[in-house]
Amino acid sequence: MPAGHGLRSRTRDLFARPFRKKGYIPLSTYLKTYRIGDYVDVKVNGAVHKGMPHKFYHGRTGRVWNVTKRAIGVEINKQVRGKIIRKRIHVRVEHVQPSKCNEDFKLRVKKNDKLKAEAKARGEIISTKRKPEGPKPGFMVEPATIETVTPIPYDVVNDLKGGY
């Protein structure tokens, strides 16, 4: 028989619950607060069938554009042929988690603001731009000392007598 092309085809391992993570869903999943503009990762929970996104969106990161009672509207980019389309889908809260994709950027902004405040107090102007790592500094290679190794001639007569 030919392979099926259903909505959940080829998701046997994709939607399977991880090892030792089966059973009830923790309450913290439902108590998280999502705001419009937050980045979220779509991670399908196979135990909850309602509000489950299509397998294409599993593992994708998007931005929250709508918050309802039990679901979240997520805006995700999808490449269709040559163009990227911004798709808007509604996903239940069990299938999303807050993304950490923006964490480094937020930390860098805070650090830069702190550095700017310190520089302003000293009366200096500093650049907080990220600079690419330049070339490594040059150095001279010391020539290795050449040591000539010659083999010791094997003496059969002394070897038989137990010499050396």
N, C-alpha and C. Protein backbone atom coordinates (compact mmCIF):
# COMPACT_ATOMS: atom_id res chain seq x y z
N MET A 1 0.84 -1.20 0.00
CA MET A 1 0.00 0.00 0.00
C MET A 1 0.87 1.25 0.00
N PRO A 2 0.43 2.32 -0.65
CA PRO A 2 1.23 3.56 -0.66
C PRO A 2 1.17 4.25 0.70
N ALA A 3 2.18 5.07 0.95
CA ALA A 3 2.24 5.79 2.23
C ALA A 3 1.16 6.85 2.28
N GLY A 4 0.60 7.06 3.47
CA GLY A 4 -0.46 8.05 3.64
C GLY A 4 0.10 9.46 3.65
N HIS A 5 -0.75 10.42 3.33
CA HIS A 5 -0.36 11.83 3.33
C HIS A 5 -1.24 12.62 4.28
N GLY A 6 -1.60 12.02 5.39
CA GLY A 6 -2.49 12.67 6.34
C GLY A 6 -1.84 13.82 7.09
N LEU A 7 -2.64 14.44 7.95
CA LEU A 7 -2.19 15.62 8.69
C LEU A 7 -1.04 15.29 9.64
N ARG A 8 -1.08 14.08 10.23
CA ARG A 8 -0.04 13.70 11.18
C ARG A 8 0.85 12.60 10.64
N SER A 9 0.97 12.49 9.33
CA SER A 9 1.82 11.44 8.76
C SER A 9 3.28 11.73 9.06
N ARG A 10 4.03 10.67 9.30
CA ARG A 10 5.47 10.73 9.58
C ARG A 10 5.79 11.53 10.86
N THR A 11 4.94 11.41 11.87
CA THR A 11 5.17 12.12 13.13
C THR A 11 5.33 11.15 14.30
N ARG A 12 5.60 9.90 14.01
CA ARG A 12 5.70 8.90 15.08
C ARG A 12 6.73 9.28 16.12
N ASP A 13 7.91 9.69 15.69
CA ASP A 13 8.96 10.10 16.63
C ASP A 13 8.91 11.59 16.92
N LEU A 14 8.41 12.36 15.96
CA LEU A 14 8.40 13.82 16.09
C LEU A 14 7.51 14.26 17.26
N PHE A 15 6.31 13.67 17.37
CA PHE A 15 5.37 14.06 18.41
C PHE A 15 5.44 13.16 19.64
N ALA A 16 6.35 12.19 19.67
CA ALA A 16 6.45 11.28 20.81
C ALA A 16 6.95 12.05 22.03
N ARG A 17 6.42 11.71 23.18
CA ARG A 17 6.88 12.35 24.42
C ARG A 17 8.28 11.86 24.75
N PRO A 18 9.14 12.73 25.29
CA PRO A 18 10.51 12.31 25.59
C PRO A 18 10.57 11.26 26.71
N PHE A 19 11.71 10.64 26.81
CA PHE A 19 11.95 9.63 27.83
C PHE A 19 11.79 10.24 29.22
N ARG A 20 11.01 9.58 30.07
CA ARG A 20 10.73 10.00 31.45
C ARG A 20 10.02 11.36 31.52
N LYS A 21 9.34 11.74 30.45
CA LYS A 21 8.57 12.98 30.47
C LYS A 21 7.10 12.70 30.11
N LYS A 22 6.69 11.44 30.26
CA LYS A 22 5.31 11.07 29.96
C LYS A 22 4.44 11.38 31.18
N GLY A 23 3.16 11.25 31.02
CA GLY A 23 2.27 11.48 32.16
C GLY A 23 1.66 12.86 32.14
N TYR A 24 1.31 13.35 33.34
CA TYR A 24 0.58 14.61 33.43
C TYR A 24 1.46 15.79 33.02
N ILE A 25 0.81 16.85 32.58
CA ILE A 25 1.52 18.06 32.16
C ILE A 25 1.63 18.99 33.36
N PRO A 26 2.82 19.51 33.66
CA PRO A 26 2.98 20.37 34.84
C PRO A 26 2.11 21.63 34.74
N LEU A 27 1.66 22.11 35.91
CA LEU A 27 0.80 23.29 35.95
C LEU A 27 1.53 24.54 35.48
N SER A 28 2.86 24.56 35.60
CA SER A 28 3.61 25.75 35.18
C SER A 28 3.42 26.03 33.70
N THR A 29 3.08 24.99 32.92
CA THR A 29 2.81 25.17 31.49
C THR A 29 1.64 26.11 31.29
N TYR A 30 0.62 25.98 32.14
CA TYR A 30 -0.60 26.77 32.00
C TYR A 30 -0.50 28.12 32.70
N LEU A 31 0.43 28.26 33.63
CA LEU A 31 0.52 29.49 34.42
C LEU A 31 1.49 30.51 33.83
N LYS A 32 2.17 30.17 32.74
CA LYS A 32 3.10 31.11 32.12
C LYS A 32 2.32 32.25 31.48
N THR A 33 2.90 33.44 31.56
CA THR A 33 2.26 34.62 30.97
C THR A 33 2.94 34.94 29.65
N TYR A 34 2.15 35.05 28.61
CA TYR A 34 2.65 35.42 27.29
C TYR A 34 2.07 36.78 26.91
N ARG A 35 2.91 37.65 26.41
CA ARG A 35 2.48 38.98 25.99
C ARG A 35 2.72 39.14 24.49
N ILE A 36 1.99 40.05 23.89
CA ILE A 36 2.14 40.31 22.46
C ILE A 36 3.56 40.81 22.20
N GLY A 37 4.21 40.23 21.22
CA GLY A 37 5.59 40.61 20.88
C GLY A 37 6.63 39.66 21.45
N ASP A 38 6.25 38.77 22.37
CA ASP A 38 7.19 37.79 22.93
C ASP A 38 7.60 36.77 21.87
N TYR A 39 8.81 36.28 21.99
CA TYR A 39 9.26 35.20 21.12
C TYR A 39 8.93 33.87 21.78
N VAL A 40 8.34 32.95 21.02
CA VAL A 40 8.01 31.62 21.55
C VAL A 40 8.48 30.55 20.58
N ASP A 41 8.82 29.39 21.14
CA ASP A 41 9.18 28.22 20.34
C ASP A 41 7.97 27.30 20.29
N VAL A 42 7.62 26.84 19.11
CA VAL A 42 6.52 25.88 18.96
C VAL A 42 7.12 24.50 19.15
N LYS A 43 6.68 23.84 20.22
CA LYS A 43 7.16 22.49 20.54
C LYS A 43 5.93 21.66 20.85
N VAL A 44 5.55 20.82 19.91
CA VAL A 44 4.29 20.10 20.01
C VAL A 44 4.34 19.08 21.15
N ASN A 45 3.29 19.07 21.96
CA ASN A 45 3.13 18.08 23.01
C ASN A 45 2.15 17.03 22.48
N GLY A 46 2.65 15.83 22.22
CA GLY A 46 1.84 14.79 21.60
C GLY A 46 0.69 14.31 22.46
N ALA A 47 0.73 14.60 23.76
CA ALA A 47 -0.33 14.14 24.65
C ALA A 47 -1.60 14.99 24.52
N VAL A 48 -1.46 16.20 24.01
CA VAL A 48 -2.61 17.09 23.87
C VAL A 48 -2.92 17.22 22.39
N HIS A 49 -4.09 16.74 21.99
CA HIS A 49 -4.45 16.75 20.57
C HIS A 49 -5.13 18.04 20.15
N LYS A 50 -5.76 18.72 21.10
CA LYS A 50 -6.45 19.96 20.76
C LYS A 50 -5.43 21.07 20.55
N GLY A 51 -5.71 21.92 19.60
CA GLY A 51 -4.86 23.09 19.37
C GLY A 51 -3.46 22.75 18.92
N MET A 52 -3.29 21.57 18.32
CA MET A 52 -1.97 21.12 17.90
C MET A 52 -1.64 21.72 16.52
N PRO A 53 -0.47 22.35 16.38
CA PRO A 53 -0.12 22.89 15.07
C PRO A 53 0.33 21.80 14.11
N HIS A 54 0.44 22.14 12.85
CA HIS A 54 0.91 21.20 11.84
C HIS A 54 2.38 20.88 12.11
N LYS A 55 2.80 19.70 11.67
CA LYS A 55 4.16 19.24 11.95
C LYS A 55 5.22 20.19 11.40
N PHE A 56 4.89 20.98 10.37
CA PHE A 56 5.86 21.92 9.81
C PHE A 56 6.33 22.92 10.86
N TYR A 57 5.41 23.35 11.74
CA TYR A 57 5.72 24.41 12.70
C TYR A 57 6.45 23.90 13.94
N HIS A 58 6.57 22.59 14.10
CA HIS A 58 7.26 22.02 15.27
C HIS A 58 8.74 22.42 15.22
N GLY A 59 9.21 23.04 16.29
CA GLY A 59 10.60 23.45 16.37
C GLY A 59 10.87 24.84 15.82
N ARG A 60 9.83 25.54 15.38
CA ARG A 60 10.00 26.88 14.81
C ARG A 60 9.82 27.95 15.89
N THR A 61 10.43 29.09 15.67
CA THR A 61 10.31 30.21 16.58
C THR A 61 9.49 31.30 15.92
N GLY A 62 8.58 31.88 16.68
CA GLY A 62 7.74 32.96 16.15
C GLY A 62 7.44 33.99 17.22
N ARG A 63 6.68 35.00 16.82
CA ARG A 63 6.31 36.07 17.75
C ARG A 63 4.83 36.01 18.05
N VAL A 64 4.48 36.30 19.29
CA VAL A 64 3.08 36.29 19.72
C VAL A 64 2.40 37.53 19.15
N TRP A 65 1.28 37.33 18.45
CA TRP A 65 0.50 38.45 17.93
C TRP A 65 -0.90 38.51 18.52
N ASN A 66 -1.31 37.44 19.22
CA ASN A 66 -2.65 37.43 19.82
C ASN A 66 -2.63 36.48 21.01
N VAL A 67 -3.33 36.85 22.07
CA VAL A 67 -3.44 35.99 23.25
C VAL A 67 -4.92 35.80 23.54
N THR A 68 -5.36 34.53 23.57
CA THR A 68 -6.75 34.21 23.90
C THR A 68 -6.76 33.43 25.20
N LYS A 69 -7.93 32.91 25.57
CA LYS A 69 -8.08 32.25 26.87
C LYS A 69 -7.18 31.03 27.02
N ARG A 70 -7.18 30.16 25.99
CA ARG A 70 -6.40 28.93 26.09
C ARG A 70 -5.31 28.81 25.03
N ALA A 71 -5.28 29.75 24.13
CA ALA A 71 -4.34 29.63 23.00
C ALA A 71 -3.57 30.93 22.80
N ILE A 72 -2.59 30.82 21.93
CA ILE A 72 -1.72 31.96 21.62
C ILE A 72 -1.61 32.04 20.10
N GLY A 73 -1.77 33.23 19.57
CA GLY A 73 -1.54 33.45 18.14
C GLY A 73 -0.07 33.69 17.90
N VAL A 74 0.54 32.88 17.04
CA VAL A 74 1.98 32.97 16.78
C VAL A 74 2.19 33.27 15.30
N GLU A 75 3.09 34.20 15.04
CA GLU A 75 3.43 34.59 13.68
C GLU A 75 4.76 33.94 13.33
N ILE A 76 4.74 33.06 12.31
CA ILE A 76 5.93 32.28 11.95
C ILE A 76 6.22 32.47 10.47
N ASN A 77 7.50 32.57 10.12
CA ASN A 77 7.89 32.67 8.72
C ASN A 77 7.93 31.29 8.10
N LYS A 78 7.40 31.20 6.87
CA LYS A 78 7.39 29.93 6.14
C LYS A 78 7.82 30.21 4.71
N GLN A 79 8.79 29.44 4.24
CA GLN A 79 9.25 29.61 2.87
C GLN A 79 8.37 28.79 1.94
N VAL A 80 7.73 29.46 1.01
CA VAL A 80 6.90 28.80 0.00
C VAL A 80 7.51 29.13 -1.35
N ARG A 81 8.06 28.12 -2.00
CA ARG A 81 8.81 28.28 -3.25
C ARG A 81 9.91 29.31 -3.04
N GLY A 82 9.83 30.47 -3.68
CA GLY A 82 10.93 31.42 -3.57
C GLY A 82 10.73 32.51 -2.54
N LYS A 83 9.54 32.62 -1.97
CA LYS A 83 9.28 33.74 -1.07
C LYS A 83 8.99 33.26 0.35
N ILE A 84 9.22 34.15 1.29
CA ILE A 84 8.95 33.85 2.70
C ILE A 84 7.65 34.54 3.09
N ILE A 85 6.69 33.74 3.54
CA ILE A 85 5.38 34.23 3.93
C ILE A 85 5.28 34.23 5.44
N ARG A 86 4.69 35.29 6.00
CA ARG A 86 4.47 35.35 7.45
C ARG A 86 3.13 34.72 7.74
N LYS A 87 3.15 33.54 8.38
CA LYS A 87 1.92 32.79 8.67
C LYS A 87 1.48 33.09 10.10
N ARG A 88 0.17 33.23 10.28
CA ARG A 88 -0.38 33.46 11.61
C ARG A 88 -1.20 32.24 12.00
N ILE A 89 -0.77 31.57 13.07
CA ILE A 89 -1.48 30.37 13.52
C ILE A 89 -1.84 30.54 14.99
N HIS A 90 -2.90 29.85 15.40
CA HIS A 90 -3.27 29.81 16.82
C HIS A 90 -2.88 28.44 17.37
N VAL A 91 -2.16 28.44 18.48
CA VAL A 91 -1.64 27.23 19.10
C VAL A 91 -1.99 27.26 20.57
N ARG A 92 -2.42 26.12 21.09
CA ARG A 92 -2.69 26.06 22.52
C ARG A 92 -1.39 26.18 23.32
N VAL A 93 -1.53 26.64 24.59
CA VAL A 93 -0.36 26.93 25.41
C VAL A 93 0.50 25.69 25.69
N GLU A 94 -0.08 24.49 25.58
CA GLU A 94 0.70 23.28 25.83
C GLU A 94 1.77 23.07 24.76
N HIS A 95 1.56 23.67 23.60
CA HIS A 95 2.46 23.44 22.46
C HIS A 95 3.46 24.57 22.24
N VAL A 96 3.53 25.54 23.15
CA VAL A 96 4.52 26.61 23.01
C VAL A 96 5.30 26.75 24.31
N GLN A 97 6.50 27.32 24.18
CA GLN A 97 7.30 27.64 25.36
C GLN A 97 8.08 28.92 25.07
N PRO A 98 8.38 29.71 26.10
CA PRO A 98 9.11 30.96 25.86
C PRO A 98 10.46 30.67 25.23
N SER A 99 10.81 31.47 24.23
CA SER A 99 12.06 31.25 23.51
C SER A 99 13.21 31.97 24.20
N LYS A 100 14.39 31.42 24.05
CA LYS A 100 15.59 32.04 24.61
C LYS A 100 16.44 32.68 23.51
N CYS A 101 15.84 32.84 22.31
CA CYS A 101 16.60 33.35 21.17
C CYS A 101 17.01 34.81 21.36
N ASN A 102 16.30 35.54 22.20
CA ASN A 102 16.54 36.97 22.36
C ASN A 102 17.32 37.30 23.64
N GLU A 103 17.67 36.26 24.42
CA GLU A 103 18.27 36.48 25.73
C GLU A 103 19.63 37.18 25.65
N ASP A 104 20.50 36.70 24.76
CA ASP A 104 21.84 37.30 24.63
C ASP A 104 21.75 38.76 24.22
N PHE A 105 20.81 39.04 23.32
CA PHE A 105 20.64 40.43 22.86
C PHE A 105 20.22 41.33 24.02
N LYS A 106 19.26 40.87 24.84
CA LYS A 106 18.79 41.67 25.97
C LYS A 106 19.91 41.90 26.98
N LEU A 107 20.72 40.87 27.24
CA LEU A 107 21.85 41.02 28.16
C LEU A 107 22.86 42.03 27.62
N ARG A 108 23.11 41.97 26.30
CA ARG A 108 24.06 42.89 25.68
C ARG A 108 23.56 44.33 25.76
N VAL A 109 22.26 44.54 25.57
CA VAL A 109 21.69 45.88 25.66
C VAL A 109 21.87 46.43 27.07
N LYS A 110 21.58 45.60 28.08
CA LYS A 110 21.74 46.04 29.48
C LYS A 110 23.20 46.38 29.78
N LYS A 111 24.11 45.52 29.31
CA LYS A 111 25.54 45.75 29.56
C LYS A 111 26.01 47.03 28.88
N ASN A 112 25.55 47.25 27.64
CA ASN A 112 25.94 48.45 26.91
C ASN A 112 25.40 49.71 27.57
N ASP A 113 24.16 49.65 28.08
CA ASP A 113 23.59 50.81 28.77
C ASP A 113 24.38 51.15 30.02
N LYS A 114 24.81 50.11 30.72
CA LYS A 114 25.61 50.31 31.93
C LYS A 114 26.96 50.94 31.58
N LEU A 115 27.61 50.42 30.51
CA LEU A 115 28.90 50.97 30.08
C LEU A 115 28.76 52.42 29.63
N LYS A 116 27.67 52.74 28.94
CA LYS A 116 27.45 54.11 28.47
C LYS A 116 27.24 55.06 29.65
N ALA A 117 26.49 54.60 30.66
CA ALA A 117 26.25 55.43 31.85
C ALA A 117 27.56 55.72 32.58
N GLU A 118 28.41 54.68 32.71
CA GLU A 118 29.71 54.87 33.38
C GLU A 118 30.59 55.82 32.58
N ALA A 119 30.58 55.69 31.26
CA ALA A 119 31.40 56.56 30.42
C ALA A 119 30.91 58.00 30.46
N LYS A 120 29.58 58.17 30.54
CA LYS A 120 29.01 59.51 30.61
C LYS A 120 29.39 60.19 31.92
N ALA A 121 29.43 59.39 33.01
CA ALA A 121 29.81 59.95 34.31
C ALA A 121 31.28 60.41 34.29
N ARG A 122 32.12 59.70 33.53
CA ARG A 122 33.52 60.10 33.41
C ARG A 122 33.73 61.18 32.35
N GLY A 123 32.73 61.41 31.52
CA GLY A 123 32.84 62.43 30.48
C GLY A 123 33.51 61.90 29.22
N GLU A 124 33.37 60.63 28.97
CA GLU A 124 33.98 60.01 27.79
C GLU A 124 32.89 59.56 26.83
N ILE A 125 33.30 59.30 25.60
CA ILE A 125 32.40 58.72 24.61
C ILE A 125 33.00 57.37 24.20
N ILE A 126 32.22 56.31 24.37
CA ILE A 126 32.72 54.99 24.03
C ILE A 126 31.86 54.37 22.93
N SER A 127 32.46 53.42 22.23
CA SER A 127 31.73 52.69 21.20
C SER A 127 31.36 51.32 21.76
N THR A 128 30.08 50.98 21.66
CA THR A 128 29.62 49.68 22.15
C THR A 128 29.38 48.70 21.01
N LYS A 129 29.89 49.04 19.84
CA LYS A 129 29.70 48.15 18.69
C LYS A 129 30.53 46.89 18.86
N ARG A 130 30.00 45.80 18.35
CA ARG A 130 30.76 44.55 18.37
C ARG A 130 31.77 44.59 17.24
N LYS A 131 33.02 44.27 17.57
CA LYS A 131 34.07 44.29 16.57
C LYS A 131 34.48 42.87 16.22
N PRO A 132 34.72 42.61 14.94
CA PRO A 132 35.16 41.26 14.58
C PRO A 132 36.55 40.99 15.14
N GLU A 133 36.77 39.73 15.45
CA GLU A 133 38.07 39.35 15.99
C GLU A 133 39.12 39.51 14.90
N GLY A 134 40.13 40.28 15.17
CA GLY A 134 41.17 40.56 14.18
C GLY A 134 42.13 39.40 14.03
N PRO A 135 43.14 39.59 13.18
CA PRO A 135 44.12 38.51 12.99
C PRO A 135 44.98 38.31 14.24
N LYS A 136 45.48 37.11 14.41
CA LYS A 136 46.33 36.81 15.56
C LYS A 136 47.67 37.53 15.39
N PRO A 137 48.29 37.92 16.51
CA PRO A 137 49.58 38.61 16.40
C PRO A 137 50.66 37.69 15.85
N GLY A 138 51.60 38.29 15.10
CA GLY A 138 52.67 37.50 14.49
C GLY A 138 53.74 37.13 15.50
N PHE A 139 54.51 36.13 15.20
CA PHE A 139 55.62 35.72 16.07
C PHE A 139 56.66 35.01 15.20
N MET A 140 57.88 34.95 15.72
CA MET A 140 58.98 34.29 15.00
C MET A 140 59.05 32.83 15.40
N VAL A 141 59.25 31.99 14.42
CA VAL A 141 59.37 30.56 14.68
C VAL A 141 60.85 30.25 14.91
N GLU A 142 61.15 29.72 16.08
CA GLU A 142 62.54 29.36 16.41
C GLU A 142 62.90 28.07 15.68
N PRO A 143 64.04 28.07 14.98
CA PRO A 143 64.42 26.81 14.31
C PRO A 143 64.80 25.74 15.33
N ALA A 144 64.35 24.56 15.10
CA ALA A 144 64.64 23.46 16.02
C ALA A 144 66.09 23.03 15.85
N THR A 145 66.70 22.61 16.96
CA THR A 145 68.08 22.12 16.88
C THR A 145 68.07 20.74 16.22
N ILE A 146 68.96 20.58 15.27
CA ILE A 146 69.00 19.34 14.51
C ILE A 146 69.90 18.35 15.24
N GLU A 147 69.39 17.20 15.50
CA GLU A 147 70.16 16.15 16.18
C GLU A 147 70.22 14.94 15.25
N THR A 148 71.42 14.52 14.98
CA THR A 148 71.60 13.37 14.09
C THR A 148 71.60 12.10 14.92
N VAL A 149 70.73 11.20 14.56
CA VAL A 149 70.63 9.93 15.28
C VAL A 149 71.19 8.84 14.39
N THR A 150 72.17 8.10 14.92
CA THR A 150 72.75 6.98 14.16
C THR A 150 72.51 5.69 14.93
N PRO A 151 72.21 4.64 14.22
CA PRO A 151 71.96 3.38 14.92
C PRO A 151 73.24 2.76 15.47
N ILE A 152 73.11 2.02 16.58
CA ILE A 152 74.25 1.30 17.17
C ILE A 152 74.41 0.00 16.38
N PRO A 153 75.62 -0.27 15.94
CA PRO A 153 75.80 -1.52 15.16
C PRO A 153 75.52 -2.74 16.05
N TYR A 154 74.82 -3.68 15.47
CA TYR A 154 74.46 -4.89 16.21
C TYR A 154 75.63 -5.87 16.15
N ASP A 155 76.09 -6.28 17.32
CA ASP A 155 77.23 -7.19 17.41
C ASP A 155 76.70 -8.57 17.82
N VAL A 156 76.73 -9.50 16.89
CA VAL A 156 76.18 -10.84 17.13
C VAL A 156 77.04 -11.59 18.15
N VAL A 157 78.34 -11.43 18.09
CA VAL A 157 79.24 -12.20 18.96
C VAL A 157 79.02 -11.80 20.41
N ASN A 158 79.01 -10.52 20.71
CA ASN A 158 78.80 -10.06 22.09
C ASN A 158 77.41 -10.43 22.59
N ASP A 159 76.43 -10.45 21.70
CA ASP A 159 75.06 -10.75 22.09
C ASP A 159 74.97 -12.21 22.55
N LEU A 160 75.69 -13.09 21.86
CA LEU A 160 75.67 -14.51 22.23
C LEU A 160 76.37 -14.76 23.57
N LYS A 161 77.41 -13.93 23.89
CA LYS A 161 78.13 -14.08 25.15
C LYS A 161 77.37 -13.43 26.31
N GLY A 162 76.35 -12.65 25.97
CA GLY A 162 75.63 -11.92 27.04
C GLY A 162 76.35 -10.66 27.39
N GLY A 163 76.95 -10.00 26.40
CA GLY A 163 77.75 -8.79 26.64
C GLY A 163 76.90 -7.54 26.78
N TYR A 164 77.56 -6.43 26.66
CA TYR A 164 77.04 -5.07 26.85
C TYR A 164 76.75 -4.84 28.26
